[in-house]
Amino acid sequence: MIASSFVLSAASAADFPATGFPEIALVGRSNVGKSSLINALVRKTIARTSAAPGKTRLANYYLIDSRLPTPDSRRASSFYLVDLPGYGYARGGDDAAREFEVLTAQYFDTSLDPRRRLAGILHLIDSRHPELPQDKAAHAWIQQTGLPLAIIATKIDKLSQADKAGALRALESDYDAAMIPVSASTHSGVDAVWKLISGWAAACAA
């Protein structure tokens, strides 16, 4: 079973929970499908989705309590999925965009509170637009954290077979990280993401 719930929305480092639970961060452009992926992973609606890009201006924490074993038979304890503000577009203009950048930088700076434990990063990229410079710049930045990292190619069900193959080739060429094509609508690839993050959480908790 997977027990899951929304915990809080953090506007600054002072709001980040210091429970010691491993944290899996979801990073991506606005409207790339972070909330949809969270809902698909826990198989219920706990994250609000919106057709309007740039709506999420906070770091949203979701507590996951998994009783499922990881691939190496360890069991992950409770961990957080953290939906970080989307980059590339912000309702509210430049001031809002700067708020996003500050919050994200604070999130990955664990020196602000050493009790926090970052377990890994899911970098979501829209498979229909695999070569955007915003994604490449964000990826270069998050690579500097040194955390486990994977590319999640979202909305893969929106592509034809030929376009899907082309998009995946482009992503594999541009990004040096594990990659999982995913559709939150059809649940394709969701189990693979679950196994990955469960392993990260278990390793961090060990």
N, C-alpha and C. Protein backbone atom coordinates (compact mmCIF):
# COMPACT_ATOMS: atom_id res chain seq x y z
N MET A 1 0.84 -1.20 0.00
CA MET A 1 0.00 0.00 0.00
C MET A 1 0.87 1.25 0.00
N ILE A 2 0.31 2.35 -0.53
CA ILE A 2 0.99 3.64 -0.51
C ILE A 2 0.06 4.64 0.18
N ALA A 3 0.46 5.11 1.34
CA ALA A 3 -0.28 6.18 2.01
C ALA A 3 0.38 7.49 1.63
N SER A 4 -0.41 8.48 1.27
CA SER A 4 0.16 9.75 0.81
C SER A 4 -0.75 10.90 1.21
N SER A 5 -0.13 12.06 1.42
CA SER A 5 -0.92 13.23 1.80
C SER A 5 -0.12 14.50 1.53
N PHE A 6 -0.85 15.58 1.24
CA PHE A 6 -0.23 16.89 1.14
C PHE A 6 0.13 17.37 2.54
N VAL A 7 1.34 17.94 2.69
CA VAL A 7 1.79 18.37 4.02
C VAL A 7 1.77 19.88 4.15
N LEU A 8 2.47 20.58 3.25
CA LEU A 8 2.54 22.03 3.36
C LEU A 8 3.10 22.63 2.08
N SER A 9 2.93 23.94 1.95
CA SER A 9 3.54 24.72 0.87
C SER A 9 4.56 25.65 1.50
N ALA A 10 5.81 25.54 1.08
CA ALA A 10 6.90 26.32 1.65
C ALA A 10 7.20 27.54 0.78
N ALA A 11 7.23 28.71 1.41
CA ALA A 11 7.53 29.95 0.69
C ALA A 11 8.98 30.37 0.86
N SER A 12 9.67 29.79 1.85
CA SER A 12 11.07 30.12 2.11
C SER A 12 11.72 28.98 2.87
N ALA A 13 13.02 29.10 3.09
CA ALA A 13 13.75 28.04 3.78
C ALA A 13 13.21 27.81 5.18
N ALA A 14 12.66 28.83 5.80
CA ALA A 14 12.12 28.69 7.16
C ALA A 14 10.95 27.74 7.21
N ASP A 15 10.30 27.51 6.06
CA ASP A 15 9.12 26.64 6.01
C ASP A 15 9.46 25.19 5.71
N PHE A 16 10.68 24.89 5.27
CA PHE A 16 11.01 23.53 4.90
C PHE A 16 10.94 22.62 6.13
N PRO A 17 10.24 21.49 6.08
CA PRO A 17 10.18 20.60 7.24
C PRO A 17 11.54 19.96 7.51
N ALA A 18 11.87 19.86 8.77
CA ALA A 18 13.16 19.29 9.18
C ALA A 18 12.93 17.99 9.92
N THR A 19 12.21 17.07 9.29
CA THR A 19 11.87 15.81 9.92
C THR A 19 12.94 14.74 9.72
N GLY A 20 13.84 14.98 8.78
CA GLY A 20 14.85 13.98 8.46
C GLY A 20 14.39 12.97 7.43
N PHE A 21 13.14 13.07 6.96
CA PHE A 21 12.67 12.16 5.92
C PHE A 21 13.41 12.47 4.61
N PRO A 22 13.78 11.46 3.83
CA PRO A 22 14.37 11.71 2.51
C PRO A 22 13.42 12.53 1.64
N GLU A 23 14.00 13.36 0.79
CA GLU A 23 13.22 14.22 -0.10
C GLU A 23 13.59 13.96 -1.55
N ILE A 24 12.57 13.74 -2.38
CA ILE A 24 12.75 13.61 -3.83
C ILE A 24 12.17 14.87 -4.47
N ALA A 25 13.02 15.65 -5.13
CA ALA A 25 12.58 16.90 -5.74
C ALA A 25 12.15 16.70 -7.18
N LEU A 26 11.04 17.33 -7.55
CA LEU A 26 10.59 17.33 -8.95
C LEU A 26 10.85 18.72 -9.51
N VAL A 27 11.66 18.76 -10.56
CA VAL A 27 12.07 20.01 -11.19
C VAL A 27 11.63 20.00 -12.64
N GLY A 28 11.17 21.15 -13.15
CA GLY A 28 10.79 21.20 -14.55
C GLY A 28 10.13 22.51 -14.91
N ARG A 29 9.98 22.73 -16.19
CA ARG A 29 9.29 23.93 -16.66
C ARG A 29 7.85 23.95 -16.16
N SER A 30 7.29 25.14 -16.12
CA SER A 30 5.88 25.27 -15.75
C SER A 30 5.02 24.46 -16.71
N ASN A 31 4.05 23.75 -16.16
CA ASN A 31 3.09 22.97 -16.92
C ASN A 31 3.70 21.74 -17.60
N VAL A 32 4.82 21.26 -17.07
CA VAL A 32 5.46 20.07 -17.66
C VAL A 32 4.81 18.78 -17.18
N GLY A 33 4.08 18.85 -16.07
CA GLY A 33 3.38 17.66 -15.60
C GLY A 33 3.85 17.12 -14.26
N LYS A 34 4.43 17.98 -13.42
CA LYS A 34 4.92 17.51 -12.12
C LYS A 34 3.78 17.04 -11.23
N SER A 35 2.73 17.84 -11.13
CA SER A 35 1.59 17.46 -10.29
C SER A 35 0.92 16.19 -10.81
N SER A 36 0.81 16.08 -12.12
CA SER A 36 0.19 14.88 -12.71
C SER A 36 1.02 13.64 -12.40
N LEU A 37 2.34 13.77 -12.43
CA LEU A 37 3.20 12.62 -12.12
C LEU A 37 3.04 12.22 -10.66
N ILE A 38 2.98 13.19 -9.76
CA ILE A 38 2.78 12.86 -8.34
C ILE A 38 1.48 12.09 -8.15
N ASN A 39 0.42 12.56 -8.77
CA ASN A 39 -0.87 11.87 -8.64
C ASN A 39 -0.81 10.47 -9.22
N ALA A 40 -0.10 10.30 -10.33
CA ALA A 40 0.02 8.98 -10.94
C ALA A 40 0.83 8.04 -10.06
N LEU A 41 1.86 8.55 -9.42
CA LEU A 41 2.71 7.72 -8.57
C LEU A 41 1.95 7.19 -7.36
N VAL A 42 1.11 8.04 -6.75
CA VAL A 42 0.40 7.60 -5.54
C VAL A 42 -1.00 7.08 -5.85
N ARG A 43 -1.38 7.15 -7.14
CA ARG A 43 -2.65 6.61 -7.63
C ARG A 43 -3.88 7.25 -6.98
N LYS A 44 -3.76 8.53 -6.70
CA LYS A 44 -4.91 9.32 -6.28
C LYS A 44 -4.55 10.79 -6.46
N THR A 45 -5.53 11.65 -6.39
CA THR A 45 -5.29 13.07 -6.61
C THR A 45 -4.96 13.75 -5.30
N ILE A 46 -3.68 14.05 -5.11
CA ILE A 46 -3.27 14.83 -3.94
C ILE A 46 -2.63 16.14 -4.36
N ALA A 47 -2.21 16.24 -5.63
CA ALA A 47 -1.59 17.47 -6.13
C ALA A 47 -2.52 18.12 -7.13
N ARG A 48 -2.74 19.38 -6.98
CA ARG A 48 -3.61 20.11 -7.90
C ARG A 48 -2.89 20.35 -9.21
N THR A 49 -3.60 20.11 -10.30
CA THR A 49 -3.05 20.39 -11.63
C THR A 49 -3.75 21.61 -12.20
N SER A 50 -3.04 22.30 -13.11
CA SER A 50 -3.62 23.49 -13.73
C SER A 50 -3.16 23.60 -15.16
N ALA A 51 -4.07 24.06 -16.02
CA ALA A 51 -3.71 24.30 -17.42
C ALA A 51 -2.94 25.60 -17.57
N ALA A 52 -2.99 26.45 -16.55
CA ALA A 52 -2.31 27.75 -16.61
C ALA A 52 -0.87 27.59 -16.12
N PRO A 53 0.13 27.88 -16.98
CA PRO A 53 1.52 27.74 -16.55
C PRO A 53 1.89 28.78 -15.51
N GLY A 54 2.88 28.43 -14.68
CA GLY A 54 3.40 29.38 -13.71
C GLY A 54 2.55 29.53 -12.48
N LYS A 55 1.61 28.64 -12.25
CA LYS A 55 0.71 28.80 -11.11
C LYS A 55 1.39 28.47 -9.79
N THR A 56 2.26 27.44 -9.77
CA THR A 56 2.90 27.03 -8.54
C THR A 56 4.06 27.95 -8.22
N ARG A 57 3.95 28.69 -7.11
CA ARG A 57 5.00 29.62 -6.70
C ARG A 57 5.61 29.20 -5.37
N LEU A 58 5.29 28.01 -4.92
CA LEU A 58 5.77 27.51 -3.65
C LEU A 58 6.35 26.12 -3.84
N ALA A 59 7.10 25.65 -2.85
CA ALA A 59 7.56 24.27 -2.85
C ALA A 59 6.52 23.45 -2.09
N ASN A 60 5.84 22.57 -2.81
CA ASN A 60 4.76 21.79 -2.22
C ASN A 60 5.27 20.42 -1.79
N TYR A 61 5.06 20.10 -0.52
CA TYR A 61 5.54 18.86 0.07
C TYR A 61 4.41 17.84 0.19
N TYR A 62 4.70 16.61 -0.27
CA TYR A 62 3.76 15.49 -0.15
C TYR A 62 4.46 14.35 0.57
N LEU A 63 3.85 13.87 1.64
CA LEU A 63 4.45 12.79 2.42
C LEU A 63 3.99 11.45 1.89
N ILE A 64 4.95 10.59 1.59
CA ILE A 64 4.67 9.26 1.05
C ILE A 64 5.14 8.22 2.05
N ASP A 65 4.26 7.29 2.38
CA ASP A 65 4.61 6.19 3.29
C ASP A 65 4.43 4.90 2.51
N SER A 66 5.54 4.33 2.08
CA SER A 66 5.49 3.15 1.21
C SER A 66 5.75 1.88 1.98
N ARG A 67 4.96 0.86 1.68
CA ARG A 67 5.20 -0.47 2.24
C ARG A 67 5.71 -1.42 1.16
N LEU A 68 6.06 -0.86 -0.01
CA LEU A 68 6.52 -1.70 -1.11
C LEU A 68 8.04 -1.84 -1.07
N PRO A 69 8.58 -3.03 -1.32
CA PRO A 69 10.03 -3.20 -1.32
C PRO A 69 10.66 -2.55 -2.54
N THR A 70 11.89 -2.12 -2.37
CA THR A 70 12.67 -1.59 -3.49
C THR A 70 13.29 -2.77 -4.24
N PRO A 71 13.90 -2.53 -5.42
CA PRO A 71 14.46 -3.64 -6.19
C PRO A 71 15.49 -4.48 -5.44
N ASP A 72 16.22 -3.88 -4.48
CA ASP A 72 17.21 -4.65 -3.74
C ASP A 72 16.66 -5.16 -2.41
N SER A 73 15.32 -5.17 -2.28
CA SER A 73 14.60 -5.75 -1.14
C SER A 73 14.62 -4.89 0.12
N ARG A 74 15.28 -3.74 0.08
CA ARG A 74 15.16 -2.84 1.22
C ARG A 74 13.79 -2.18 1.18
N ARG A 75 13.32 -1.76 2.32
CA ARG A 75 12.03 -1.09 2.36
C ARG A 75 12.23 0.40 2.67
N ALA A 76 11.64 1.22 1.82
CA ALA A 76 11.76 2.66 2.04
C ALA A 76 10.82 3.08 3.15
N SER A 77 11.30 3.90 4.06
CA SER A 77 10.43 4.47 5.07
C SER A 77 9.72 5.68 4.46
N SER A 78 9.12 6.49 5.28
CA SER A 78 8.43 7.67 4.76
C SER A 78 9.42 8.60 4.06
N PHE A 79 8.92 9.23 2.99
CA PHE A 79 9.74 10.22 2.30
C PHE A 79 8.82 11.26 1.68
N TYR A 80 9.42 12.38 1.29
CA TYR A 80 8.67 13.45 0.66
C TYR A 80 8.88 13.47 -0.85
N LEU A 81 7.82 13.73 -1.59
CA LEU A 81 7.92 14.22 -2.96
C LEU A 81 7.73 15.72 -2.88
N VAL A 82 8.64 16.48 -3.48
CA VAL A 82 8.60 17.93 -3.36
C VAL A 82 8.48 18.54 -4.76
N ASP A 83 7.34 19.18 -5.00
CA ASP A 83 7.06 19.82 -6.28
C ASP A 83 7.59 21.26 -6.21
N LEU A 84 8.74 21.49 -6.87
CA LEU A 84 9.34 22.82 -6.85
C LEU A 84 8.70 23.71 -7.92
N PRO A 85 8.75 25.03 -7.72
CA PRO A 85 8.16 25.94 -8.71
C PRO A 85 8.75 25.72 -10.10
N GLY A 86 7.90 25.81 -11.10
CA GLY A 86 8.36 25.64 -12.47
C GLY A 86 9.21 26.80 -12.94
N TYR A 87 10.16 26.52 -13.81
CA TYR A 87 11.00 27.58 -14.37
C TYR A 87 10.55 27.85 -15.81
N GLY A 88 11.03 28.95 -16.36
CA GLY A 88 10.76 29.25 -17.76
C GLY A 88 9.57 30.15 -18.00
N TYR A 89 8.66 30.20 -17.02
CA TYR A 89 7.50 31.08 -17.14
C TYR A 89 6.97 31.31 -15.75
N ALA A 90 6.62 32.53 -15.45
CA ALA A 90 6.06 32.82 -14.13
C ALA A 90 4.96 33.84 -14.24
N ARG A 91 3.78 33.49 -13.77
CA ARG A 91 2.72 34.49 -13.69
C ARG A 91 3.16 35.51 -12.65
N GLY A 92 3.20 36.78 -13.05
CA GLY A 92 3.68 37.82 -12.16
C GLY A 92 4.95 38.46 -12.68
N GLY A 93 5.48 37.95 -13.79
CA GLY A 93 6.61 38.59 -14.44
C GLY A 93 7.95 38.33 -13.77
N ASP A 94 8.89 39.26 -13.98
CA ASP A 94 10.27 39.07 -13.54
C ASP A 94 10.39 38.93 -12.03
N ASP A 95 9.60 39.69 -11.28
CA ASP A 95 9.68 39.60 -9.82
C ASP A 95 9.33 38.20 -9.34
N ALA A 96 8.28 37.63 -9.91
CA ALA A 96 7.88 36.27 -9.53
C ALA A 96 8.95 35.27 -9.94
N ALA A 97 9.55 35.46 -11.12
CA ALA A 97 10.60 34.56 -11.58
C ALA A 97 11.78 34.57 -10.62
N ARG A 98 12.14 35.75 -10.12
CA ARG A 98 13.24 35.84 -9.16
C ARG A 98 12.89 35.13 -7.86
N GLU A 99 11.62 35.23 -7.45
CA GLU A 99 11.19 34.51 -6.25
C GLU A 99 11.41 33.01 -6.42
N PHE A 100 11.09 32.51 -7.60
CA PHE A 100 11.26 31.09 -7.89
C PHE A 100 12.72 30.69 -7.75
N GLU A 101 13.60 31.49 -8.34
CA GLU A 101 15.02 31.18 -8.33
C GLU A 101 15.57 31.16 -6.91
N VAL A 102 15.16 32.12 -6.10
CA VAL A 102 15.63 32.19 -4.71
C VAL A 102 15.15 30.98 -3.93
N LEU A 103 13.88 30.63 -4.07
CA LEU A 103 13.32 29.50 -3.34
C LEU A 103 14.00 28.20 -3.73
N THR A 104 14.23 28.00 -5.02
CA THR A 104 14.88 26.77 -5.48
C THR A 104 16.31 26.69 -4.98
N ALA A 105 17.04 27.80 -5.02
CA ALA A 105 18.41 27.80 -4.51
C ALA A 105 18.42 27.47 -3.02
N GLN A 106 17.48 28.02 -2.26
CA GLN A 106 17.39 27.71 -0.84
C GLN A 106 17.06 26.24 -0.61
N TYR A 107 16.20 25.69 -1.46
CA TYR A 107 15.81 24.30 -1.29
C TYR A 107 17.01 23.37 -1.36
N PHE A 108 17.90 23.59 -2.31
CA PHE A 108 19.04 22.69 -2.49
C PHE A 108 20.23 23.03 -1.59
N ASP A 109 20.13 24.09 -0.81
CA ASP A 109 21.21 24.47 0.11
C ASP A 109 20.94 23.85 1.48
N THR A 110 21.38 22.63 1.68
CA THR A 110 21.11 21.94 2.94
C THR A 110 21.94 22.49 4.09
N SER A 111 22.91 23.36 3.80
CA SER A 111 23.67 23.97 4.90
C SER A 111 22.77 24.87 5.75
N LEU A 112 21.64 25.29 5.17
CA LEU A 112 20.70 26.11 5.94
C LEU A 112 20.05 25.32 7.06
N ASP A 113 19.96 24.00 6.88
CA ASP A 113 19.41 23.12 7.91
C ASP A 113 19.92 21.70 7.64
N PRO A 114 20.99 21.29 8.33
CA PRO A 114 21.61 19.98 8.06
C PRO A 114 20.73 18.79 8.43
N ARG A 115 19.59 19.03 9.05
CA ARG A 115 18.69 17.91 9.36
C ARG A 115 17.96 17.41 8.12
N ARG A 116 17.89 18.24 7.08
CA ARG A 116 17.20 17.84 5.86
C ARG A 116 18.06 16.86 5.07
N ARG A 117 17.41 15.92 4.37
CA ARG A 117 18.11 14.87 3.63
C ARG A 117 17.55 14.80 2.21
N LEU A 118 18.32 15.28 1.25
CA LEU A 118 17.90 15.26 -0.15
C LEU A 118 18.34 13.95 -0.78
N ALA A 119 17.38 13.21 -1.34
CA ALA A 119 17.66 11.87 -1.83
C ALA A 119 17.86 11.80 -3.34
N GLY A 120 17.30 12.74 -4.09
CA GLY A 120 17.43 12.68 -5.55
C GLY A 120 16.55 13.71 -6.24
N ILE A 121 16.74 13.82 -7.54
CA ILE A 121 16.03 14.82 -8.34
C ILE A 121 15.44 14.16 -9.59
N LEU A 122 14.16 14.38 -9.81
CA LEU A 122 13.51 14.03 -11.07
C LEU A 122 13.40 15.31 -11.90
N HIS A 123 14.11 15.35 -13.02
CA HIS A 123 14.03 16.51 -13.91
C HIS A 123 13.05 16.18 -15.03
N LEU A 124 11.88 16.80 -14.98
CA LEU A 124 10.84 16.53 -15.96
C LEU A 124 11.01 17.41 -17.18
N ILE A 125 10.99 16.79 -18.36
CA ILE A 125 11.10 17.50 -19.63
C ILE A 125 9.97 17.04 -20.53
N ASP A 126 9.26 17.97 -21.13
CA ASP A 126 8.17 17.66 -22.04
C ASP A 126 8.74 16.98 -23.29
N SER A 127 8.35 15.75 -23.53
CA SER A 127 8.90 15.00 -24.65
C SER A 127 8.57 15.62 -26.00
N ARG A 128 7.55 16.48 -26.04
CA ARG A 128 7.18 17.14 -27.30
C ARG A 128 8.14 18.27 -27.63
N HIS A 129 8.92 18.71 -26.64
CA HIS A 129 9.86 19.82 -26.82
C HIS A 129 11.18 19.46 -26.15
N PRO A 130 11.92 18.50 -26.72
CA PRO A 130 13.09 17.95 -26.02
C PRO A 130 14.35 18.79 -26.06
N GLU A 131 14.37 19.88 -26.83
CA GLU A 131 15.63 20.60 -27.02
C GLU A 131 15.56 22.06 -26.59
N LEU A 132 14.75 22.37 -25.60
CA LEU A 132 14.61 23.76 -25.16
C LEU A 132 15.81 24.19 -24.32
N PRO A 133 16.32 25.40 -24.56
CA PRO A 133 17.50 25.87 -23.80
C PRO A 133 17.22 26.02 -22.31
N GLN A 134 15.96 26.33 -21.94
CA GLN A 134 15.65 26.46 -20.51
C GLN A 134 15.89 25.15 -19.78
N ASP A 135 15.54 24.04 -20.42
CA ASP A 135 15.74 22.74 -19.80
C ASP A 135 17.23 22.42 -19.67
N LYS A 136 17.98 22.74 -20.69
CA LYS A 136 19.42 22.46 -20.66
C LYS A 136 20.11 23.28 -19.58
N ALA A 137 19.72 24.54 -19.45
CA ALA A 137 20.32 25.40 -18.43
C ALA A 137 19.97 24.91 -17.03
N ALA A 138 18.71 24.52 -16.84
CA ALA A 138 18.29 24.01 -15.54
C ALA A 138 19.03 22.72 -15.20
N HIS A 139 19.21 21.87 -16.20
CA HIS A 139 19.88 20.59 -15.96
C HIS A 139 21.33 20.81 -15.55
N ALA A 140 22.01 21.74 -16.23
CA ALA A 140 23.40 22.03 -15.88
C ALA A 140 23.50 22.52 -14.44
N TRP A 141 22.50 23.31 -14.02
CA TRP A 141 22.52 23.84 -12.65
C TRP A 141 22.28 22.73 -11.63
N ILE A 142 21.28 21.88 -11.86
CA ILE A 142 20.97 20.87 -10.85
C ILE A 142 22.01 19.76 -10.81
N GLN A 143 22.74 19.57 -11.89
CA GLN A 143 23.83 18.59 -11.87
C GLN A 143 24.88 18.97 -10.83
N GLN A 144 25.03 20.27 -10.57
CA GLN A 144 26.03 20.74 -9.62
C GLN A 144 25.70 20.34 -8.18
N THR A 145 24.46 19.91 -7.93
CA THR A 145 24.11 19.49 -6.58
C THR A 145 24.78 18.17 -6.22
N GLY A 146 25.13 17.37 -7.25
CA GLY A 146 25.74 16.07 -7.01
C GLY A 146 24.77 15.01 -6.54
N LEU A 147 23.48 15.30 -6.58
CA LEU A 147 22.46 14.34 -6.13
C LEU A 147 22.12 13.35 -7.24
N PRO A 148 21.61 12.16 -6.89
CA PRO A 148 21.10 11.25 -7.92
C PRO A 148 20.08 11.98 -8.79
N LEU A 149 20.14 11.74 -10.09
CA LEU A 149 19.35 12.54 -11.02
C LEU A 149 18.84 11.68 -12.16
N ALA A 150 17.60 11.90 -12.56
CA ALA A 150 17.03 11.19 -13.71
C ALA A 150 16.17 12.15 -14.52
N ILE A 151 16.15 11.93 -15.83
CA ILE A 151 15.28 12.67 -16.73
C ILE A 151 13.96 11.92 -16.86
N ILE A 152 12.86 12.62 -16.67
CA ILE A 152 11.53 12.04 -16.88
C ILE A 152 10.94 12.73 -18.12
N ALA A 153 10.81 11.97 -19.21
CA ALA A 153 10.25 12.51 -20.45
C ALA A 153 8.73 12.41 -20.36
N THR A 154 8.06 13.52 -20.09
CA THR A 154 6.62 13.51 -19.83
C THR A 154 5.79 13.59 -21.12
N LYS A 155 4.52 13.27 -20.97
CA LYS A 155 3.52 13.39 -22.03
C LYS A 155 3.90 12.59 -23.27
N ILE A 156 4.54 11.45 -23.04
CA ILE A 156 5.02 10.63 -24.16
C ILE A 156 3.87 10.09 -24.99
N ASP A 157 2.69 9.98 -24.38
CA ASP A 157 1.51 9.46 -25.11
C ASP A 157 1.00 10.44 -26.15
N LYS A 158 1.47 11.69 -26.11
CA LYS A 158 1.04 12.70 -27.06
C LYS A 158 1.78 12.59 -28.40
N LEU A 159 2.77 11.72 -28.46
CA LEU A 159 3.61 11.63 -29.66
C LEU A 159 3.30 10.36 -30.46
N SER A 160 3.49 10.46 -31.76
CA SER A 160 3.44 9.26 -32.59
C SER A 160 4.67 8.42 -32.31
N GLN A 161 4.69 7.19 -32.77
CA GLN A 161 5.84 6.32 -32.55
C GLN A 161 7.11 6.92 -33.13
N ALA A 162 7.00 7.49 -34.32
CA ALA A 162 8.18 8.08 -34.96
C ALA A 162 8.67 9.29 -34.17
N ASP A 163 7.75 10.15 -33.77
CA ASP A 163 8.14 11.34 -33.01
C ASP A 163 8.68 10.96 -31.63
N LYS A 164 8.12 9.93 -31.04
CA LYS A 164 8.60 9.45 -29.74
C LYS A 164 10.06 9.01 -29.86
N ALA A 165 10.37 8.22 -30.89
CA ALA A 165 11.74 7.75 -31.08
C ALA A 165 12.70 8.92 -31.27
N GLY A 166 12.27 9.92 -32.03
CA GLY A 166 13.11 11.08 -32.27
C GLY A 166 13.35 11.89 -31.00
N ALA A 167 12.30 12.05 -30.22
CA ALA A 167 12.42 12.82 -28.97
C ALA A 167 13.36 12.13 -27.99
N LEU A 168 13.22 10.82 -27.87
CA LEU A 168 14.07 10.08 -26.94
C LEU A 168 15.54 10.10 -27.39
N ARG A 169 15.76 10.04 -28.71
CA ARG A 169 17.13 10.14 -29.21
C ARG A 169 17.72 11.50 -28.87
N ALA A 170 16.93 12.56 -29.01
CA ALA A 170 17.41 13.90 -28.71
C ALA A 170 17.75 14.04 -27.24
N LEU A 171 16.91 13.50 -26.37
CA LEU A 171 17.17 13.59 -24.94
C LEU A 171 18.41 12.79 -24.55
N GLU A 172 18.55 11.61 -25.11
CA GLU A 172 19.71 10.78 -24.80
C GLU A 172 21.00 11.44 -25.27
N SER A 173 20.91 12.19 -26.37
CA SER A 173 22.08 12.88 -26.90
C SER A 173 22.49 14.07 -26.04
N ASP A 174 21.48 14.78 -25.49
CA ASP A 174 21.75 16.04 -24.79
C ASP A 174 21.95 15.89 -23.29
N TYR A 175 21.49 14.79 -22.71
CA TYR A 175 21.51 14.67 -21.25
C TYR A 175 22.22 13.40 -20.81
N ASP A 176 23.17 13.57 -19.90
CA ASP A 176 23.92 12.45 -19.36
C ASP A 176 23.28 12.03 -18.04
N ALA A 177 22.15 11.34 -18.14
CA ALA A 177 21.42 10.89 -16.95
C ALA A 177 20.48 9.77 -17.36
N ALA A 178 20.07 8.97 -16.39
CA ALA A 178 19.06 7.95 -16.66
C ALA A 178 17.80 8.64 -17.16
N MET A 179 17.08 7.97 -18.07
CA MET A 179 15.89 8.58 -18.64
C MET A 179 14.73 7.60 -18.64
N ILE A 180 13.56 8.09 -18.23
CA ILE A 180 12.35 7.27 -18.23
C ILE A 180 11.24 8.01 -18.96
N PRO A 181 10.74 7.49 -20.09
CA PRO A 181 9.58 8.10 -20.75
C PRO A 181 8.31 7.76 -19.97
N VAL A 182 7.47 8.76 -19.76
CA VAL A 182 6.31 8.58 -18.87
C VAL A 182 5.06 9.23 -19.46
N SER A 183 3.94 8.58 -19.23
CA SER A 183 2.64 9.20 -19.47
C SER A 183 1.84 9.08 -18.18
N ALA A 184 1.51 10.22 -17.57
CA ALA A 184 0.67 10.19 -16.37
C ALA A 184 -0.74 9.74 -16.71
N SER A 185 -1.17 9.96 -17.94
CA SER A 185 -2.52 9.59 -18.35
C SER A 185 -2.70 8.08 -18.48
N THR A 186 -1.72 7.42 -19.11
CA THR A 186 -1.82 5.98 -19.34
C THR A 186 -1.05 5.17 -18.30
N HIS A 187 -0.29 5.86 -17.45
CA HIS A 187 0.56 5.24 -16.43
C HIS A 187 1.76 4.51 -17.02
N SER A 188 2.03 4.71 -18.30
CA SER A 188 3.23 4.13 -18.89
C SER A 188 4.47 4.73 -18.24
N GLY A 189 5.38 3.89 -17.77
CA GLY A 189 6.62 4.35 -17.17
C GLY A 189 6.52 4.73 -15.70
N VAL A 190 5.31 4.79 -15.15
CA VAL A 190 5.14 5.24 -13.77
C VAL A 190 5.76 4.25 -12.79
N ASP A 191 5.60 2.95 -13.03
CA ASP A 191 6.18 1.95 -12.14
C ASP A 191 7.70 2.05 -12.12
N ALA A 192 8.29 2.35 -13.26
CA ALA A 192 9.75 2.49 -13.32
C ALA A 192 10.21 3.69 -12.49
N VAL A 193 9.45 4.77 -12.54
CA VAL A 193 9.78 5.95 -11.72
C VAL A 193 9.65 5.60 -10.25
N TRP A 194 8.59 4.87 -9.91
CA TRP A 194 8.38 4.48 -8.52
C TRP A 194 9.55 3.64 -7.98
N LYS A 195 10.01 2.67 -8.75
CA LYS A 195 11.13 1.84 -8.32
C LYS A 195 12.38 2.68 -8.13
N LEU A 196 12.59 3.65 -9.02
CA LEU A 196 13.77 4.51 -8.92
C LEU A 196 13.75 5.33 -7.65
N ILE A 197 12.65 6.03 -7.39
CA ILE A 197 12.61 6.92 -6.24
C ILE A 197 12.55 6.15 -4.92
N SER A 198 11.94 4.96 -4.93
CA SER A 198 11.94 4.13 -3.73
C SER A 198 13.36 3.72 -3.37
N GLY A 199 14.15 3.39 -4.38
CA GLY A 199 15.54 3.04 -4.14
C GLY A 199 16.33 4.21 -3.61
N TRP A 200 16.13 5.41 -4.18
CA TRP A 200 16.80 6.59 -3.69
C TRP A 200 16.45 6.86 -2.23
N ALA A 201 15.16 6.77 -1.90
CA ALA A 201 14.71 7.05 -0.54
C ALA A 201 15.31 6.04 0.45
N ALA A 202 15.33 4.77 0.05
CA ALA A 202 15.88 3.74 0.93
C ALA A 202 17.37 3.96 1.16
N ALA A 203 18.10 4.31 0.10
CA ALA A 203 19.54 4.54 0.23
C ALA A 203 19.82 5.74 1.12
N CYS A 204 19.00 6.77 0.99
CA CYS A 204 19.19 7.98 1.80
C CYS A 204 18.86 7.72 3.26
N ALA A 205 17.87 6.87 3.50
CA ALA A 205 17.44 6.60 4.86
C ALA A 205 18.37 5.63 5.59
N ALA A 206 19.16 4.88 4.81
CA ALA A 206 20.02 3.85 5.41
C ALA A 206 21.09 4.46 6.31
